[in-house]
């Protein structure tokens, strides 16, 4: 699996999770949900966004290394 496909899968999973989380409002809209959101969902969201940014930077670094290591034509 390439980094780009891994990043795409992570992005899709994050999107699906957030959609399900929003659906939970239909049956769960109290202080405990708000606490859970603040304690877990916001932290997970921030970490996933940071990871996706890091994957993007790492992917670009690998691409640059490949270009620099290719023989000139």
C-alpha atoms as a PDB file:
ATOM      1  CA  UNK A   1       0.000   0.000   0.000  1.00  0.00           C
ATOM      2  CA  UNK A   2       1.397   3.378  -0.959  1.00  0.00           C
ATOM      3  CA  UNK A   3       1.348   6.328   1.409  1.00  0.00           C
ATOM      4  CA  UNK A   4      -1.198   8.067  -0.792  1.00  0.00           C
ATOM      5  CA  UNK A   5      -3.590   5.122  -0.674  1.00  0.00           C
ATOM      6  CA  UNK A   6      -3.062   4.798   3.081  1.00  0.00           C
ATOM      7  CA  UNK A   7      -3.728   8.492   3.513  1.00  0.00           C
ATOM      8  CA  UNK A   8      -6.881   8.187   1.394  1.00  0.00           C
ATOM      9  CA  UNK A   9      -8.124   5.256   3.494  1.00  0.00           C
ATOM     10  CA  UNK A  10      -7.443   7.190   6.689  1.00  0.00           C
ATOM     11  CA  UNK A  11      -9.281  10.213   5.300  1.00  0.00           C
ATOM     12  CA  UNK A  12     -12.272   8.054   4.288  1.00  0.00           C
ATOM     13  CA  UNK A  13     -12.370   6.356   7.702  1.00  0.00           C
ATOM     14  CA  UNK A  14     -12.217   9.749   9.437  1.00  0.00           C
ATOM     15  CA  UNK A  15     -15.029  11.060   7.259  1.00  0.00           C
ATOM     16  CA  UNK A  16     -17.163   7.979   7.997  1.00  0.00           C
ATOM     17  CA  UNK A  17     -16.495   8.240  11.731  1.00  0.00           C
ATOM     18  CA  UNK A  18     -17.451  11.908  11.830  1.00  0.00           C
ATOM     19  CA  UNK A  19     -20.646  11.205   9.855  1.00  0.00           C
ATOM     20  CA  UNK A  20     -21.620   8.492  12.345  1.00  0.00           C
ATOM     21  CA  UNK A  21     -20.753  10.766  15.240  1.00  0.00           C
ATOM     22  CA  UNK A  22     -23.061  13.459  13.850  1.00  0.00           C
ATOM     23  CA  UNK A  23     -25.818  10.859  13.454  1.00  0.00           C
ATOM     24  CA  UNK A  24     -25.484  10.059  17.159  1.00  0.00           C
ATOM     25  CA  UNK A  25     -27.045  13.467  17.881  1.00  0.00           C
ATOM     26  CA  UNK A  26     -30.420  12.012  16.850  1.00  0.00           C
ATOM     27  CA  UNK A  27     -30.569   9.846  19.967  1.00  0.00           C
ATOM     28  CA  UNK A  28     -27.875  11.194  22.241  1.00  0.00           C
ATOM     29  CA  UNK A  29     -27.880  14.896  22.986  1.00  0.00           C
ATOM     30  CA  UNK A  30     -26.948  15.438  26.594  1.00  0.00           C
ATOM     31  CA  UNK A  31     -24.032  16.578  28.717  1.00  0.00           C
ATOM     32  CA  UNK A  32     -22.363  13.153  28.613  1.00  0.00           C
ATOM     33  CA  UNK A  33     -22.251  13.311  24.819  1.00  0.00           C
ATOM     34  CA  UNK A  34     -20.760  16.791  24.996  1.00  0.00           C
ATOM     35  CA  UNK A  35     -18.178  15.559  27.518  1.00  0.00           C
ATOM     36  CA  UNK A  36     -17.342  12.561  25.337  1.00  0.00           C
ATOM     37  CA  UNK A  37     -16.996  14.845  22.332  1.00  0.00           C
ATOM     38  CA  UNK A  38     -14.641  17.159  24.157  1.00  0.00           C
ATOM     39  CA  UNK A  39     -12.583  14.392  25.681  1.00  0.00           C
ATOM     40  CA  UNK A  40     -12.304  11.933  22.788  1.00  0.00           C
ATOM     41  CA  UNK A  41     -13.711  13.120  19.468  1.00  0.00           C
ATOM     42  CA  UNK A  42     -11.960  16.494  19.371  1.00  0.00           C
ATOM     43  CA  UNK A  43      -8.640  14.896  20.365  1.00  0.00           C
ATOM     44  CA  UNK A  44      -9.019  12.122  17.789  1.00  0.00           C
ATOM     45  CA  UNK A  45      -9.964  14.639  15.113  1.00  0.00           C
ATOM     46  CA  UNK A  46      -6.882  16.744  15.853  1.00  0.00           C
ATOM     47  CA  UNK A  47      -4.572  13.726  15.876  1.00  0.00           C
ATOM     48  CA  UNK A  48      -5.975  12.370  12.625  1.00  0.00           C
ATOM     49  CA  UNK A  49      -5.536  15.728  10.910  1.00  0.00           C
ATOM     50  CA  UNK A  50      -1.957  15.944  12.195  1.00  0.00           C
ATOM     51  CA  UNK A  51      -1.223  12.409  11.016  1.00  0.00           C
ATOM     52  CA  UNK A  52      -2.623  13.116   7.566  1.00  0.00           C
ATOM     53  CA  UNK A  53      -0.482  16.235   7.309  1.00  0.00           C
ATOM     54  CA  UNK A  54       2.601  14.272   8.380  1.00  0.00           C
ATOM     55  CA  UNK A  55       1.849  11.534   5.847  1.00  0.00           C
ATOM     56  CA  UNK A  56       1.590  14.172   3.131  1.00  0.00           C
ATOM     57  CA  UNK A  57       4.929  15.720   4.100  1.00  0.00           C
ATOM     58  CA  UNK A  58       6.592  12.312   4.323  1.00  0.00           C
ATOM     59  CA  UNK A  59       5.202  11.325   0.939  1.00  0.00           C
ATOM     60  CA  UNK A  60       6.641  14.477  -0.609  1.00  0.00           C
ATOM     61  CA  UNK A  61      10.024  13.848   1.049  1.00  0.00           C
ATOM     62  CA  UNK A  62      10.107  10.320  -0.394  1.00  0.00           C
ATOM     63  CA  UNK A  63       9.122  11.615  -3.826  1.00  0.00           C
ATOM     64  CA  UNK A  64      11.922  14.199  -3.689  1.00  0.00           C
ATOM     65  CA  UNK A  65      14.425  11.531  -2.591  1.00  0.00           C
ATOM     66  CA  UNK A  66      13.356   9.333  -5.516  1.00  0.00           C
ATOM     67  CA  UNK A  67      13.788  12.220  -7.962  1.00  0.00           C
ATOM     68  CA  UNK A  68      17.220  13.038  -6.567  1.00  0.00           C
ATOM     69  CA  UNK A  69      18.351   9.399  -6.738  1.00  0.00           C
ATOM     70  CA  UNK A  70      17.177   8.795 -10.313  1.00  0.00           C
ATOM     71  CA  UNK A  71      19.960   8.791 -12.885  1.00  0.00           C
ATOM     72  CA  UNK A  72      19.949  11.795 -15.171  1.00  0.00           C
ATOM     73  CA  UNK A  73      18.988  11.138 -18.763  1.00  0.00           C
END
